[in-house]
Amino acid sequence: MSASPRPGTAHHDVDVVVVGAGFAGLAMLRELRDERGMSVRVLEAGDDVGGVWFWNRYPGARCDVDSTDYSYTFSAELDAEWDWSERYATQPEILRYVHHVADKFDLRRDITTGARVTRADWDDAEGHWDVVCEDGTTARGRYLVMATGCLSAVKRPDIPGIEEFAGQVLHTADWPREPVDLAGKRVGVIGTGSSGIQVIPRIAPEVAELVVFQRTPAFSVPAHHHVLSDAERAALRLTLAQRREQLRSSPTGLSVPVTKRGALDDDEQARRAHYEEQWRTAGFGFLLAYNNLLVSHEANATAADFIRSKIAERVEDPELAAKLSPSSYPYGAKRPCVDTGYYETFNRENVTLVDIADAPITGATATGLTTTAGSHDLDVVVLATGFDAMTGSLLRPTITGRDGVTLREHWSGGPRTYLGLMTAGFPNMFVIAGPGSPSLLGNVMVSIEQHVDWVSALLADSAAAGTPVIEATAEAEAGWVDHVNAAAAPTLYMEAASYYLGAEVEGKPRVFMPYAGGLRRYRRECDAVAADGYTGFERSPAPGDVRVPQPA
C-alpha cells in the first residue's frame, strides 16, 4: 500500500523512518544521521520529545536507576556540560535533559511531533516502508525503526459507568501538562505498582482523603534518593569512564556491585546484617544483595521475609501491614519497586486501603467507585494501572510485512524475534529494546545504546555490500525464541503474574518476553552474530538494483 498524504499534511521520503522520540528514537536519529550520513524522519505521537518522560508527569515520578547511569554515553562534551542534581532524577529533570540533548545535537529539525503512527506497510516491489499517521502525515523509508518503548501503550481498566463519574479521572501515564490541584479533595488511586507507589506518598499530605485500591501488594525498598553534593558530583566525574565500562560489561547495566555469594552462604546473623546494610544504601540494587535471589526459592524467601519484616516495622496496624505484604509471588519476579515513605503513608488517618482482590471494583457512579463491599465517594480517580507492556506499542498500529501478514498475526502466540531486533517476514524493520532482548530486566539505557550501535553497524555493512534489504530468517527467529524461553525457564520470573509474562492484559498470550540471560551475555550473542557475518539474517540487493560481483 503506497502512502499518500492528506491535503495540508507532510510527506517525508527518507532512508530511515523512526517511530518514537524518546531516548531510543533520539539516539537512533543522531547515530544514523550524524555518524552514518543517512536521512531520517522521526514520527512522535506527543507534541514534544521525551517519550515516557513526556507523558508520565504525575507527582513523584522519577527514575529508579542512578541518574549518572541513566544517561547517554556517546558524547564526552555532553557529559562535561550536564550535572544531575539527585541520585534518582525526577521527571522534570529527566525531561530537561532530553530537551538539552535534542537542542544540542539539533535533532528537532528531523522530528515530526503530533504524528501518531496508525499503520506501516512493507512494499516488497519497491523495497521500502510506507508509514501513515493519524493526522495524515506520511513517510516512506527503506528502513523502519520502532523506538516506541516497552512502557508506552497506556492500559486503562474497564470500569463500568466510569463515564458517569462527575469528578476528574487521571492516568499516571497520561498526566496533564498543567498542574493538577488535589488539595482538600477526596482521591482514589487504583494500582500499587511502581507509579502508584511513587504517587501515593506524594499526594497523601495534601488531599482530604486518599483511598488506595490494591489488587496485588508489591515488594518495595527505600529509594534513598537525595540531592547530590558537590563532592559527590566531582567523584562521579572522576570515575565516569570506569563506571560506564562497568555498565556495558555487567549483566544488569547497573553500577551496583553484584555479590558473588548466595544468600545461604551466610548464616542467619550475617545475612541479616548484609540485608540491613543493603536496605540502608542499595535502593533498586537490593535485588542484587545475593547472586541467587532469582533462581533459588530458599534464597529468595530470605529476602522476601526480610522485606516483609520491614513492612511490619513501618506500618503501625499489623492487619494492614499483612495486607501490604506480598505473599503470592517471589521477590523480584515482578519488577521491584523503590519508594520514599510509601508504607508509612498508611499510618496517616486520611489514608484507607481497599483490598480489591477480596472486594473487586464493580463500577463507577456519578459520585465515586463501588466495590462488592461498599461504595467510596471521590472527587478524583487516579488510574495507576500502567501499560500494555513490551508489545502494546508495537501492536496498536497495523504493521504489515511480506505477503500481507500483520505483526499482530505473526505474534498471535506471543512476540517472535531474532535477537529481539528483527522479526521474520518483516524486512528492514528493527525494534529497539523490545521483546526478546534484555529491555526491562536491566538498565534500558545500556540496552538502547547497544542496539543503536549494533543496528547502525549492520546497516553500514549491508550498504557496503550492496545488500540493503535485511531480514531475519524463520529458522534464526525460532532458535532465538527457544533460547529466550530456555534462559527464563530456571528463574523465578515464571512464578508471578507480571507484565514480563503478559499477565497485565486480559487475553494477552502468556509468554515470557524479555531476555533473562543478562545484558553481558546478550551483548556477546549479538557480537558473535556480527563477527560471523551477521548469521541468521538474509541480505539482498534492493529491488531494481544490480549487484556487481566483486573480484575474489
Protein backbone atom coordinates (compact mmCIF):
# COMPACT_ATOMS: atom_id res chain seq x y z
CA MET A 1 0.00 0.00 0.00
CA SER A 2 1.53 3.32 -1.02
CA ALA A 3 1.28 6.19 1.42
CA SER A 4 -0.27 9.43 0.22
CA PRO A 5 -0.65 12.48 2.45
CA ARG A 6 -3.90 14.29 3.06
CA PRO A 7 -4.05 17.85 1.78
CA GLY A 8 -2.17 20.15 4.13
CA THR A 9 -0.11 17.39 5.76
CA ALA A 10 3.51 16.46 5.17
CA HIS A 11 5.13 13.55 3.35
CA HIS A 12 8.72 12.57 4.15
CA ASP A 13 10.84 10.46 1.81
CA VAL A 14 13.93 9.34 3.72
CA ASP A 15 16.35 6.49 4.26
CA VAL A 16 15.02 5.66 7.72
CA VAL A 17 11.68 6.24 9.43
CA VAL A 18 11.94 6.12 13.23
CA VAL A 19 8.80 5.87 15.37
CA GLY A 20 9.17 7.48 18.78
CA ALA A 21 11.17 10.45 20.07
CA GLY A 22 12.15 9.15 23.49
CA PHE A 23 15.67 8.13 24.48
CA ALA A 24 15.81 5.36 21.86
CA GLY A 25 14.45 7.41 18.97
CA LEU A 26 16.74 10.37 19.63
CA ALA A 27 19.80 8.12 19.90
CA MET A 28 18.89 6.38 16.64
CA LEU A 29 18.38 9.69 14.85
CA ARG A 30 21.70 11.13 15.98
CA GLU A 31 23.64 7.96 15.15
CA LEU A 32 22.24 7.36 11.66
CA ARG A 33 22.13 10.99 10.60
CA ASP A 34 25.34 12.34 12.13
CA GLU A 35 27.55 9.24 12.10
CA ARG A 36 26.25 7.38 9.01
CA GLY A 37 25.04 10.28 6.84
CA MET A 38 21.56 8.84 6.35
CA SER A 39 18.36 10.86 6.06
CA VAL A 40 16.00 10.19 8.96
CA ARG A 41 12.49 11.25 9.91
CA VAL A 42 11.25 10.64 13.46
CA LEU A 43 7.48 10.44 13.98
CA GLU A 44 6.33 11.19 17.54
CA ALA A 45 2.77 10.95 18.86
CA GLY A 46 3.34 13.56 21.58
CA ASP A 47 3.71 17.26 20.93
CA ASP A 48 7.33 17.26 22.13
CA VAL A 49 10.25 14.90 22.59
CA GLY A 50 10.78 12.83 25.73
CA GLY A 51 8.87 9.58 25.30
CA VAL A 52 7.83 8.08 28.63
CA TRP A 53 9.20 11.17 30.41
CA PHE A 54 6.96 13.44 28.34
CA TRP A 55 3.80 11.57 29.31
CA ASN A 56 4.49 10.46 32.90
CA ARG A 57 4.23 13.79 34.75
CA TYR A 58 2.46 12.56 37.86
CA PRO A 59 3.61 13.78 41.28
CA GLY A 60 6.56 11.71 42.50
CA ALA A 61 7.60 10.40 39.07
CA ARG A 62 11.31 9.71 38.97
CA CYS A 63 13.83 7.22 37.67
CA ASP A 64 14.74 4.14 39.74
CA VAL A 65 18.24 3.90 38.24
CA ASP A 66 21.06 6.23 39.31
CA SER A 67 20.87 9.35 37.13
CA THR A 68 24.50 9.04 36.02
CA ASP A 69 23.75 5.54 34.73
CA TYR A 70 20.53 6.68 33.08
CA SER A 71 22.35 8.93 30.62
CA TYR A 72 23.73 8.83 27.10
CA THR A 73 27.38 7.87 26.77
CA PHE A 74 28.12 8.87 23.17
CA SER A 75 29.39 12.40 23.86
CA ALA A 76 32.14 13.45 26.27
CA GLU A 77 31.10 17.05 25.67
CA LEU A 78 27.54 16.26 26.76
CA ASP A 79 28.89 14.60 29.90
CA ALA A 80 31.06 17.62 30.67
CA GLU A 81 28.24 20.15 30.48
CA TRP A 82 25.47 18.27 32.29
CA ASP A 83 25.24 17.75 36.05
CA TRP A 84 22.49 15.65 37.61
CA SER A 85 21.18 17.16 40.82
CA GLU A 86 19.86 14.00 42.51
CA ARG A 87 20.75 10.33 42.81
CA TYR A 88 17.46 9.34 41.14
CA ALA A 89 16.36 12.16 38.85
CA THR A 90 12.80 13.43 38.87
CA GLN A 91 10.65 13.52 35.75
CA PRO A 92 11.11 17.27 35.20
CA GLU A 93 14.90 16.97 35.37
CA ILE A 94 15.00 13.98 33.01
CA LEU A 95 12.78 15.85 30.55
CA ARG A 96 15.11 18.87 30.74
CA TYR A 97 18.00 16.54 29.92
CA VAL A 98 16.15 15.12 26.90
CA HIS A 99 15.39 18.65 25.67
CA HIS A 100 19.02 19.65 26.17
CA VAL A 101 20.18 16.68 24.06
CA ALA A 102 17.63 17.41 21.33
CA ASP A 103 18.74 21.04 21.14
CA LYS A 104 22.48 20.43 21.46
CA PHE A 105 22.53 17.97 18.56
CA ASP A 106 19.91 19.84 16.51
CA LEU A 107 17.61 16.83 16.44
CA ARG A 108 14.26 18.61 16.31
CA ARG A 109 14.58 19.53 12.63
CA ASP A 110 14.14 15.85 11.74
CA ILE A 111 11.28 15.14 14.17
CA THR A 112 7.58 15.49 13.42
CA THR A 113 5.54 15.74 16.62
CA GLY A 114 1.82 15.14 16.97
CA ALA A 115 2.19 12.31 14.47
CA ARG A 116 0.78 9.08 15.91
CA VAL A 117 1.55 6.17 13.59
CA THR A 118 -1.52 4.10 12.72
CA ARG A 119 -0.09 1.82 10.04
CA ALA A 120 3.12 0.79 8.33
CA ASP A 121 3.26 -1.36 5.19
CA TRP A 122 6.21 -3.10 3.58
CA ASP A 123 6.29 -2.58 -0.20
CA ASP A 124 8.09 -5.65 -1.46
CA ALA A 125 8.19 -4.48 -5.06
CA GLU A 126 9.89 -1.18 -4.15
CA GLY A 127 11.77 -2.35 -1.08
CA HIS A 128 10.60 0.31 1.38
CA TRP A 129 8.16 1.00 4.22
CA ASP A 130 5.14 3.26 3.84
CA VAL A 131 4.02 4.81 7.12
CA VAL A 132 0.75 6.63 7.83
CA CYS A 133 -0.08 8.76 10.87
CA GLU A 134 -3.39 9.63 12.47
CA ASP A 135 -3.09 13.29 11.44
CA GLY A 136 -2.42 12.41 7.80
CA THR A 137 1.36 12.75 7.91
CA THR A 138 3.03 10.07 5.79
CA ALA A 139 6.58 8.86 5.39
CA ARG A 140 8.48 6.44 3.20
CA GLY A 141 11.79 4.89 4.12
CA ARG A 142 13.95 1.95 3.21
CA TYR A 143 14.18 1.15 6.91
CA LEU A 144 11.65 1.32 9.74
CA VAL A 145 12.86 1.54 13.34
CA MET A 146 10.31 1.07 16.10
CA ALA A 147 11.68 3.04 19.06
CA THR A 148 8.33 3.13 20.83
CA GLY A 149 9.47 1.80 24.21
CA CYS A 150 8.35 -1.10 26.37
CA LEU A 151 6.17 1.02 28.66
CA SER A 152 4.30 3.47 26.46
CA ALA A 153 0.96 1.89 25.49
CA VAL A 154 -1.32 3.11 28.30
CA LYS A 155 -3.55 0.49 29.91
CA ARG A 156 -6.92 1.76 31.13
CA PRO A 157 -9.11 -0.55 33.21
CA ASP A 158 -12.63 -1.29 32.10
CA ILE A 159 -14.74 0.22 34.90
CA PRO A 160 -18.45 0.07 34.12
CA GLY A 161 -20.05 3.51 34.36
CA ILE A 162 -16.79 5.44 34.62
CA GLU A 163 -18.12 7.87 32.01
CA GLU A 164 -20.84 8.81 34.50
CA PHE A 165 -18.34 9.85 37.18
CA ALA A 166 -18.74 13.61 37.78
CA GLY A 167 -15.22 14.10 39.08
CA GLN A 168 -11.84 14.05 37.35
CA VAL A 169 -10.22 10.86 36.01
CA LEU A 170 -6.42 10.93 35.62
CA HIS A 171 -3.90 8.33 34.46
CA THR A 172 -0.33 8.40 35.74
CA ALA A 173 0.98 7.58 32.25
CA ASP A 174 -1.00 10.39 30.60
CA TRP A 175 -0.84 13.11 33.24
CA PRO A 176 -1.89 16.67 32.30
CA ARG A 177 0.86 19.16 31.49
CA GLU A 178 -0.79 21.83 33.62
CA PRO A 179 -0.63 21.44 37.43
CA VAL A 180 -3.42 19.39 38.99
CA ASP A 181 -4.81 20.78 42.25
CA LEU A 182 -5.66 17.91 44.59
CA ALA A 183 -5.64 19.94 47.80
CA GLY A 184 -8.56 19.12 50.06
CA LYS A 185 -10.08 16.60 47.66
CA ARG A 186 -11.17 13.00 48.07
CA VAL A 187 -8.88 10.97 45.83
CA GLY A 188 -8.89 7.31 44.88
CA VAL A 189 -5.78 5.67 43.44
CA ILE A 190 -6.21 2.37 41.61
CA GLY A 191 -2.97 0.40 41.43
CA THR A 192 0.05 -0.18 43.66
CA GLY A 193 2.79 -0.88 41.16
CA SER A 194 5.72 1.43 40.56
CA SER A 195 3.72 4.54 39.61
CA GLY A 196 1.21 4.04 42.42
CA ILE A 197 3.98 3.60 44.96
CA GLN A 198 5.53 6.86 43.79
CA VAL A 199 2.37 8.97 43.60
CA ILE A 200 0.60 7.80 46.77
CA PRO A 201 3.04 9.22 49.37
CA ARG A 202 3.41 12.45 47.39
CA ILE A 203 -0.29 13.34 47.32
CA ALA A 204 -1.37 11.93 50.69
CA PRO A 205 -0.36 15.02 52.72
CA GLU A 206 -2.35 17.42 50.53
CA VAL A 207 -5.61 15.55 49.92
CA ALA A 208 -8.51 15.41 52.34
CA GLU A 209 -8.95 11.69 51.91
CA LEU A 210 -6.93 9.08 49.98
CA VAL A 211 -8.40 5.68 49.16
CA VAL A 212 -5.89 3.20 47.74
CA PHE A 213 -7.39 0.33 45.75
CA GLN A 214 -4.89 -2.55 45.84
CA ARG A 215 -5.26 -5.81 43.96
CA THR A 216 -1.74 -7.24 44.50
CA PRO A 217 0.73 -5.83 47.03
CA ALA A 218 4.22 -5.00 45.80
CA PHE A 219 7.66 -5.52 47.26
CA SER A 220 9.28 -2.11 47.71
CA VAL A 221 12.54 -0.99 49.31
CA PRO A 222 13.67 2.53 50.27
CA ALA A 223 14.92 4.54 47.28
CA HIS A 224 17.43 6.62 49.25
CA HIS A 225 17.36 9.29 46.57
CA HIS A 226 18.96 12.53 47.65
CA VAL A 227 20.42 15.75 46.32
CA LEU A 228 23.97 15.12 45.17
CA SER A 229 26.61 17.21 46.90
CA ASP A 230 29.38 18.98 45.02
CA ALA A 231 31.80 16.39 46.36
CA GLU A 232 29.61 13.52 45.11
CA ARG A 233 29.32 15.05 41.65
CA ALA A 234 33.09 15.62 41.49
CA ALA A 235 33.71 11.99 42.48
CA LEU A 236 31.26 10.79 39.82
CA ARG A 237 33.14 12.74 37.16
CA LEU A 238 36.46 11.20 38.18
CA THR A 239 35.10 7.68 37.89
CA LEU A 240 32.70 8.21 34.98
CA ALA A 241 34.72 6.37 32.30
CA GLN A 242 35.29 3.39 34.58
CA ARG A 243 31.66 3.41 35.65
CA ARG A 244 30.43 3.42 32.05
CA GLU A 245 32.65 0.48 31.14
CA GLN A 246 31.33 -1.38 34.15
CA LEU A 247 27.75 -0.77 32.97
CA ARG A 248 28.48 -2.10 29.50
CA SER A 249 30.18 -5.24 30.77
CA SER A 250 27.75 -6.02 33.60
CA PRO A 251 24.81 -8.45 33.47
CA THR A 252 22.41 -5.74 34.65
CA GLY A 253 23.67 -2.48 33.15
CA LEU A 254 23.80 -1.08 36.68
CA SER A 255 26.77 0.23 38.63
CA VAL A 256 25.60 -1.69 41.69
CA PRO A 257 28.21 -4.28 42.74
CA VAL A 258 27.00 -7.86 42.28
CA THR A 259 27.59 -10.01 45.36
CA LYS A 260 29.42 -13.19 44.39
CA ARG A 261 27.86 -15.35 47.09
CA GLY A 262 24.43 -16.81 47.58
CA ALA A 263 22.02 -15.97 50.35
CA LEU A 264 22.52 -19.35 52.03
CA ASP A 265 26.30 -18.99 52.08
CA ASP A 266 25.89 -16.64 55.06
CA ASP A 267 24.49 -17.69 58.41
CA GLU A 268 21.31 -16.03 59.59
CA GLN A 269 23.07 -13.33 61.59
CA ALA A 270 25.48 -12.38 58.79
CA ARG A 271 22.69 -12.46 56.22
CA ARG A 272 20.51 -10.17 58.32
CA ALA A 273 23.40 -7.73 58.75
CA HIS A 274 24.01 -7.74 54.99
CA TYR A 275 20.34 -7.13 54.22
CA GLU A 276 20.27 -4.28 56.75
CA GLU A 277 23.23 -2.63 55.03
CA GLN A 278 21.62 -3.06 51.60
CA TRP A 279 18.32 -1.69 52.96
CA ARG A 280 20.12 1.47 54.11
CA THR A 281 22.00 2.08 50.84
CA ALA A 282 21.19 -0.06 47.81
CA GLY A 283 17.87 1.27 46.55
CA PHE A 284 16.91 -0.66 43.40
CA GLY A 285 20.12 -2.68 43.76
CA PHE A 286 18.69 -4.52 46.77
CA LEU A 287 17.72 -7.29 44.34
CA LEU A 288 21.45 -7.90 43.81
CA ALA A 289 22.17 -8.35 47.53
CA TYR A 290 22.92 -12.00 46.74
CA ASN A 291 23.53 -13.68 43.40
CA ASN A 292 20.84 -16.35 43.64
CA LEU A 293 17.70 -14.48 44.68
CA LEU A 294 16.03 -15.06 41.32
CA VAL A 295 16.93 -18.72 40.89
CA SER A 296 16.51 -20.26 44.36
CA HIS A 297 13.23 -20.38 46.26
CA GLU A 298 15.02 -20.83 49.55
CA ALA A 299 17.37 -17.89 48.91
CA ASN A 300 14.52 -15.70 47.67
CA ALA A 301 12.48 -16.45 50.79
CA THR A 302 15.21 -14.92 52.97
CA ALA A 303 14.95 -11.60 51.08
CA ALA A 304 11.14 -11.68 50.91
CA ASP A 305 10.87 -12.41 54.63
CA PHE A 306 13.28 -9.56 55.40
CA ILE A 307 11.23 -7.07 53.36
CA ARG A 308 8.01 -8.27 54.98
CA SER A 309 9.59 -7.74 58.39
CA LYS A 310 10.44 -4.17 57.38
CA ILE A 311 6.85 -3.57 56.25
CA ALA A 312 5.68 -4.77 59.67
CA GLU A 313 8.06 -2.29 61.30
CA ARG A 314 6.90 0.63 59.14
CA VAL A 315 3.12 0.06 59.31
CA GLU A 316 1.59 0.51 62.75
CA ASP A 317 -1.51 -1.64 62.21
CA PRO A 318 -0.46 -5.34 62.00
CA GLU A 319 -3.53 -6.30 59.99
CA LEU A 320 -2.85 -3.52 57.50
CA ALA A 321 0.84 -4.46 57.32
CA ALA A 322 -0.18 -8.02 56.44
CA LYS A 323 -2.38 -6.76 53.58
CA LEU A 324 0.52 -4.68 52.24
CA SER A 325 2.92 -7.64 52.37
CA PRO A 326 3.22 -9.75 49.20
CA SER A 327 2.91 -13.49 49.68
CA SER A 328 1.77 -14.89 46.34
CA TYR A 329 4.97 -14.49 44.30
CA PRO A 330 8.76 -14.36 44.82
CA TYR A 331 10.56 -11.09 45.44
CA GLY A 332 11.85 -9.70 42.11
CA ALA A 333 9.62 -11.88 39.94
CA LYS A 334 7.71 -8.67 39.27
CA ARG A 335 9.77 -5.55 38.67
CA PRO A 336 10.90 -4.42 42.15
CA CYS A 337 9.79 -1.01 43.37
CA VAL A 338 11.64 1.66 45.31
CA ASP A 339 9.84 4.23 47.42
CA THR A 340 10.03 7.21 49.72
CA GLY A 341 7.76 6.69 52.70
CA TYR A 342 5.24 4.51 50.88
CA TYR A 343 4.40 2.13 53.70
CA GLU A 344 4.43 4.88 56.32
CA THR A 345 1.74 6.65 54.31
CA PHE A 346 -0.77 4.08 55.54
CA ASN A 347 -0.24 5.29 59.11
CA ARG A 348 -1.98 8.54 58.18
CA GLU A 349 -5.57 8.99 59.35
CA ASN A 350 -6.68 10.23 55.92
CA VAL A 351 -5.44 7.12 54.05
CA THR A 352 -7.51 3.95 53.60
CA LEU A 353 -6.51 0.70 51.89
CA VAL A 354 -9.18 -1.20 49.95
CA ASP A 355 -8.29 -4.77 49.01
CA ILE A 356 -9.91 -5.27 45.62
CA ALA A 357 -8.64 -8.83 45.41
CA ASP A 358 -11.23 -9.65 48.09
CA ALA A 359 -13.75 -6.95 47.15
CA PRO A 360 -13.36 -6.12 43.41
CA ILE A 361 -14.40 -2.81 41.90
CA THR A 362 -17.82 -3.30 40.33
CA GLY A 363 -18.27 0.08 38.70
CA ALA A 364 -18.44 3.84 38.98
CA THR A 365 -21.24 6.22 39.77
CA ALA A 366 -21.51 9.98 39.49
CA THR A 367 -20.04 10.27 42.98
CA GLY A 368 -17.31 7.65 43.12
CA LEU A 369 -16.41 3.96 42.89
CA THR A 370 -18.27 0.89 44.13
CA THR A 371 -16.86 -2.48 45.17
CA THR A 372 -18.57 -5.68 46.24
CA ALA A 373 -18.08 -4.47 49.82
CA GLY A 374 -19.43 -0.92 49.51
CA SER A 375 -19.01 2.48 47.88
CA HIS A 376 -16.46 5.28 48.10
CA ASP A 377 -17.32 8.91 47.39
CA LEU A 378 -14.49 10.59 45.47
CA ASP A 379 -13.67 13.82 43.67
CA VAL A 380 -10.74 12.42 41.67
CA VAL A 381 -9.86 8.93 40.43
CA VAL A 382 -6.18 8.29 39.61
CA LEU A 383 -5.52 5.27 37.43
CA ALA A 384 -2.04 3.99 38.29
CA THR A 385 -2.68 0.95 36.14
CA GLY A 386 0.41 1.00 33.97
CA PHE A 387 0.85 -0.22 30.44
CA ASP A 388 0.26 -2.89 27.87
CA ALA A 389 3.94 -3.67 28.29
CA MET A 390 6.56 -4.84 25.81
CA THR A 391 4.25 -5.43 22.81
CA GLY A 392 1.45 -2.87 23.22
CA SER A 393 3.15 -0.02 21.38
CA LEU A 394 4.16 -2.38 18.56
CA LEU A 395 0.76 -3.96 18.03
CA ARG A 396 -1.52 -0.92 18.29
CA PRO A 397 -0.56 0.34 14.82
CA THR A 398 -1.23 -2.08 11.98
CA ILE A 399 2.19 -3.21 10.74
CA THR A 400 2.07 -5.37 7.61
CA GLY A 401 5.09 -7.29 6.31
CA ARG A 402 5.56 -9.70 3.43
CA ASP A 403 2.54 -11.38 1.85
CA GLY A 404 0.08 -9.17 3.71
CA VAL A 405 0.82 -10.73 7.10
CA THR A 406 0.42 -8.33 10.00
CA LEU A 407 2.67 -8.26 13.03
CA ARG A 408 -0.35 -8.98 15.22
CA GLU A 409 -1.00 -12.15 13.20
CA HIS A 410 2.65 -13.21 13.32
CA TRP A 411 2.74 -12.60 17.08
CA SER A 412 -0.66 -14.14 17.85
CA GLY A 413 1.01 -16.63 20.19
CA GLY A 414 3.40 -14.07 21.67
CA PRO A 415 6.26 -11.98 20.28
CA ARG A 416 8.74 -13.74 17.98
CA THR A 417 12.04 -12.04 17.22
CA TYR A 418 15.63 -12.74 16.36
CA LEU A 419 17.93 -11.13 18.94
CA GLY A 420 14.94 -9.00 19.94
CA LEU A 421 15.82 -6.84 16.93
CA MET A 422 14.02 -8.20 13.88
CA THR A 423 11.07 -10.43 13.01
CA ALA A 424 10.93 -12.91 10.14
CA GLY A 425 8.70 -11.68 7.33
CA PHE A 426 9.24 -8.01 8.19
CA PRO A 427 12.31 -6.92 6.23
CA ASN A 428 14.22 -3.80 7.24
CA MET A 429 12.13 -3.33 10.39
CA PHE A 430 14.05 -3.05 13.64
CA VAL A 431 12.83 -2.84 17.24
CA ILE A 432 14.92 -1.06 19.88
CA ALA A 433 14.96 -2.64 23.37
CA GLY A 434 11.86 -4.70 22.71
CA PRO A 435 10.71 -8.28 23.41
CA GLY A 436 13.41 -10.90 23.03
CA SER A 437 16.10 -8.52 24.34
CA PRO A 438 17.03 -7.71 27.96
CA SER A 439 14.99 -4.47 27.85
CA LEU A 440 13.16 -4.15 31.18
CA LEU A 441 15.37 -6.68 33.02
CA GLY A 442 18.24 -4.23 33.24
CA ASN A 443 19.20 -0.61 32.68
CA VAL A 444 17.30 0.14 29.50
CA MET A 445 19.68 2.99 28.59
CA VAL A 446 22.52 0.48 28.21
CA SER A 447 20.28 -1.72 26.07
CA ILE A 448 19.23 1.21 23.89
CA GLU A 449 22.78 2.30 23.11
CA GLN A 450 23.90 -1.27 22.43
CA HIS A 451 21.01 -1.74 19.99
CA VAL A 452 21.57 1.60 18.27
CA ASP A 453 25.26 0.89 17.74
CA TRP A 454 24.61 -2.66 16.54
CA VAL A 455 21.86 -1.72 14.08
CA SER A 456 23.96 1.17 12.77
CA ALA A 457 26.89 -1.18 12.09
CA LEU A 458 24.60 -3.70 10.36
CA LEU A 459 23.14 -1.03 8.06
CA ALA A 460 26.62 0.25 7.18
CA ASP A 461 27.89 -3.25 6.47
CA SER A 462 24.87 -4.06 4.31
CA ALA A 463 25.18 -0.81 2.37
CA ALA A 464 28.85 -1.51 1.67
CA ALA A 465 27.99 -4.99 0.45
CA GLY A 466 25.20 -3.71 -1.81
CA THR A 467 22.63 -5.75 0.12
CA PRO A 468 20.42 -3.20 1.88
CA VAL A 469 17.40 -5.50 2.25
CA ILE A 470 17.80 -7.32 5.57
CA GLU A 471 15.53 -9.95 7.06
CA ALA A 472 15.77 -12.39 9.94
CA THR A 473 15.30 -15.96 8.81
CA ALA A 474 12.46 -18.03 10.21
CA GLU A 475 14.99 -20.57 11.49
CA ALA A 476 17.02 -17.94 13.35
CA GLU A 477 13.85 -16.48 14.83
CA ALA A 478 12.66 -19.89 16.05
CA GLY A 479 16.06 -20.63 17.53
CA TRP A 480 16.15 -17.32 19.39
CA VAL A 481 12.63 -17.78 20.76
CA ASP A 482 13.73 -21.16 22.12
CA HIS A 483 16.85 -19.55 23.61
CA VAL A 484 14.80 -16.80 25.31
CA ASN A 485 12.47 -19.43 26.78
CA ALA A 486 15.39 -21.55 27.96
CA ALA A 487 17.01 -18.55 29.67
CA ALA A 488 13.80 -17.77 31.57
CA ALA A 489 12.81 -21.34 32.47
CA PRO A 490 15.09 -21.84 35.51
CA THR A 491 14.29 -18.43 37.03
CA LEU A 492 11.62 -17.38 39.48
CA TYR A 493 10.32 -14.85 36.95
CA MET A 494 7.97 -17.57 35.72
CA GLU A 495 6.10 -17.65 39.05
CA ALA A 496 4.48 -14.21 39.04
CA ALA A 497 1.57 -12.80 37.05
CA SER A 498 3.72 -9.95 35.73
CA TYR A 499 3.94 -7.80 32.64
CA TYR A 500 7.09 -9.77 31.79
CA LEU A 501 4.71 -12.66 31.07
CA GLY A 502 1.89 -10.63 29.54
CA ALA A 503 -0.33 -11.14 32.59
CA GLU A 504 -1.25 -7.46 32.85
CA VAL A 505 -3.70 -7.58 29.92
CA GLU A 506 -6.63 -9.97 29.69
CA GLY A 507 -6.32 -12.25 26.66
CA LYS A 508 -2.66 -11.48 26.06
CA PRO A 509 -0.52 -14.57 25.34
CA ARG A 510 1.30 -15.77 28.46
CA VAL A 511 4.85 -15.80 27.15
CA PHE A 512 7.96 -14.57 28.95
CA MET A 513 9.04 -11.68 26.74
CA PRO A 514 12.36 -10.16 27.85
CA TYR A 515 15.71 -11.98 27.64
CA ALA A 516 16.68 -13.23 31.10
CA GLY A 517 20.27 -14.16 30.22
CA GLY A 518 21.58 -10.73 31.20
CA LEU A 519 22.97 -7.79 29.23
CA ARG A 520 26.55 -9.10 29.22
CA ARG A 521 25.57 -12.46 27.73
CA TYR A 522 23.21 -10.79 25.31
CA ARG A 523 25.94 -8.43 24.09
CA ARG A 524 28.20 -11.42 23.48
CA GLU A 525 25.47 -13.16 21.48
CA CYS A 526 24.99 -10.09 19.28
CA ASP A 527 28.73 -9.59 18.83
CA ALA A 528 29.14 -13.23 17.80
CA VAL A 529 26.39 -12.87 15.18
CA ALA A 530 28.10 -9.78 13.74
CA ALA A 531 31.56 -11.38 13.77
CA ASP A 532 30.16 -14.36 11.84
CA GLY A 533 28.91 -12.12 9.02
CA TYR A 534 25.51 -11.50 10.58
CA THR A 535 24.44 -15.10 10.62
CA GLY A 536 20.69 -15.59 10.86
CA PHE A 537 19.97 -12.67 8.54
CA GLU A 538 19.26 -12.87 4.81
CA ARG A 539 20.61 -9.84 2.97
CA SER A 540 19.91 -9.00 -0.65
CA PRO A 541 20.06 -6.11 -3.15
CA ALA A 542 17.13 -3.73 -3.26
CA PRO A 543 14.52 -4.33 -5.97
CA GLY A 544 15.87 -2.98 -9.25
CA ASP A 545 19.45 -2.88 -8.02
CA VAL A 546 22.03 -4.90 -9.86
CA ARG A 547 24.80 -6.09 -7.63
CA VAL A 548 28.14 -6.09 -9.41
CA PRO A 549 30.16 -9.17 -8.42
CA GLN A 550 33.34 -8.22 -6.61
CA PRO A 551 36.62 -9.84 -7.62
CA ALA A 552 37.73 -12.63 -5.31
